[in-house]
Every structure is written in C-alpha cells, then in structure tokens.
Amino acid sequence: MNARGATHAAARSADAMARSQFHSTRAITLGREAAVIALAGCGGAALSLFGVPAAWLSGSMLLVAIVGVLRPLPDLRKPWFDAAMLVSGALIGSAATPEALAAAARYPGSLAVLILALAAIMVASGAYLRYVARWSWIDSLLAAAPGALSAVIAVAQAKGADIGKIAVVQLFRILVLVAFLPSIMQIAGHAATGTPAVAQIVGAGDLLLLLACGLAAGLLFERLRVTAPIILGSTMASAVLHGSGFIQGTLPGSIQIAVLILLGAVMGGRVSTVKRHELAALFPLAIGSFVVAVVVAFAFAWPAAWLAGVPYATAMAAFAPGGLEAMAMLAFAMGLDPLYVGAHHLARFMVLGLAMPFIVVHLKAEPPKP
C-alpha cells in the first residue's frame, strides 16, 4: 500500500513538473513574441513621428527586418497571424458602404477598364519577375498583385510562397508610390484642394458582431479547404454587413494600427530570413517590377478617365497599384474626387482580396528549374 502510494505520489509530482515546464516554456515563447511585436510597434511609431505615409506598416516591417538580419527573432505563431487576418478582413470589407457601392455603379466603363488593368498588371509584372528574376509563378504573381497586401500575405502563408521576397517588392512599390505620386500628379496638373474626411467608427457591439461573423465564415472556408480562409471569410462577412447598411463605420484607429504592426512584424520576420546578398539583389528587381506595374496602370488610366469624364490625374490615383490605405490617404489629402477614387480602390481591393486564393490555387511554391 505504501509502495503504491509512493508510486502515485511520484507520478503526480512528475505530472506537476511537466505542467510547470510546459507553462514556463509557453510563457517564454509568449514573452519573445510580445518583444517582437513591441519592436515592430517602435518601428512604426518612429516613422509616424516623421509623418511618413503608411508608417505603421513600413516602419514595423523595416525595424523587425533589420534586427532580424543582425540576430535571429522568433516567428509569430499561427494565432497571431490569424488574428491579424481576421481584423484585416473586417477592415477591408468595411469599405463596402452603400455609398461606395452606389458610387461604383456610376462608373461601369471605368471599372471595367480597371478589371482589365488588374489582369494586365499581374501578367506583365509577374512575367517580368518570372523570366528576368527566374522566380516561381506563384511568387511572381503574388509580388505583382497591385494592392490587397493582407490577402497576398495570407495566400503566401497558406501556399508556402516566399513571403520575404514578396514583401520586399510589395513594400517597395507602396513606399515609392506614396513618396512620388503626389509630385507626378502635380506635373499632370492637379493641385491639392481638399482635406481628409472624418471616418465614422463602428460601435463596440457591432465590432464584436463583425469579428464573430468573420470568424464563423473563416472557419467555414477552412473546413472547405479554401486558401487563406480567415481573411477571405472575414472580408466577405464584413462586406455583406456594411454593404447592406446593417453595420456602419470602420474600425477604430488603434485597432487598425495594431493590425498594421502585426502584419509588419510577420513580413519583417520573413524578410529577415532572406540572405543579405539576396536582399540587395531584390532591389533592382523591385524597381523593374514597379516600373512595369506603373506604366501599365497609368496606360489604362487614360481611357478610364475619358469614359468617366474625370481628370487624368484623378484616374492616376484611382489606378495606382498601391495599398488601399496609402492610396486612399493620398487621394483625400490631395482633394481628389473621393467617390471616384474610393470606388475604384474598393473594387480593386475586393476583387483581388476575393480572387487571389483562387488565382494561385493550382500553382506550386517550388522555384522553377534554371
């Protein structure tokens, strides 16, 4: 009896020790992840102090990437990534307001040209990366996608694509567009005349409903084995709730910043895995891909401006292959027609966000043979 009791006591002690070690390891891992996110937040905050456009995304990615090159950093686990994708989808879908949908209906010809431009940009820029850089088609197309960065990263994660290379090309295009597009548009004859609009913020109850519906749709898509299910389900749920007018308002700025920091931390961590000599070699490729994308986009903007009866500079902002948030911010800051620019960026963002998982569904992530 005593021997049996001693055996049970030893088993309980071993079990308690195992649980303690598990919780200790879990706490250490969580602490390291929190440190990476805090580092990303510092990078975003630093650039935002200088008024750099898209600062929270680009700054967080850059600092994590730089530190990651100097010393290894832990990758953020899947729950962090899924949380970022869930909120990103809710933010994407919140742009589908009844007003934006009604505005989109007023520019059918211009929007049709936009869809053709999307295909042309991806084919032209993707072909450049495929045949000049010798990338795989999946890496080339994801890097060439003009916007919908959250969806692109989600698909890259799900398909095992090279997020580091894709992130470098995507962020380079956004930063260059934000830095130089205003000057290009001024040369085209458009000066700033307006001020940014004040966005309505969704209430706490509606926010919980929005995230719950997005999560339910994402889990359903995951059961159906859809690529990037969380962001796709969240985007669709948010678009339906906002488009129907059932929910009004976008997400609070603090939540938007948190998502950009998380996304930047994920991207920066993947960029840091790219070898230094490879990273230096990516910049000429990013420049070439950017030039191809911009030339194609602005070529399609010309007939779109004629069809819609808007200035060419306004169409340039609507067709610019950058991120939705950055391009929308520029449009409002420069006093452009918010309905025209917003409708086109919404259409581009929604089409890419919803179609991207299906565009690459049959493509493999393995690099092509030389």
Foldseek 3Di string as FASTA:
>chain_A
DVVVVVVVVVVVVVVVVVVVVVVVVVVVVVVLVVVLLVQLQVQLVVVVVVVQFLSSQVRSLVRLLVVCLVDNGDADDPVLLLVLLLQVLLQLLQLLAQLLVVLLVLQVPLLVLLVVLQVQQLVQLLVCCCPVVLFFSLLSSLLSRLALVSLSVQLCVQQVAQLQLSVLLQVVLQSVCLVCLVVVLVVLPAFADAAADDWFAWDPVVVVVLSVQLQVQLVVVVVVVFRSSSNLSSNVSSNVCNNVVVTHTGHDPVVVSSSSSSNSSNNSSSNNVDHPVVSVVSVVSSVVSSVSSLVSQLVSLVVSCVSSVHRSSLSSLLSRSHYLVSSLNVCRRRHHDNSSSSSSSSSSNNCCSNCVSVVCVPTHNDRDDD
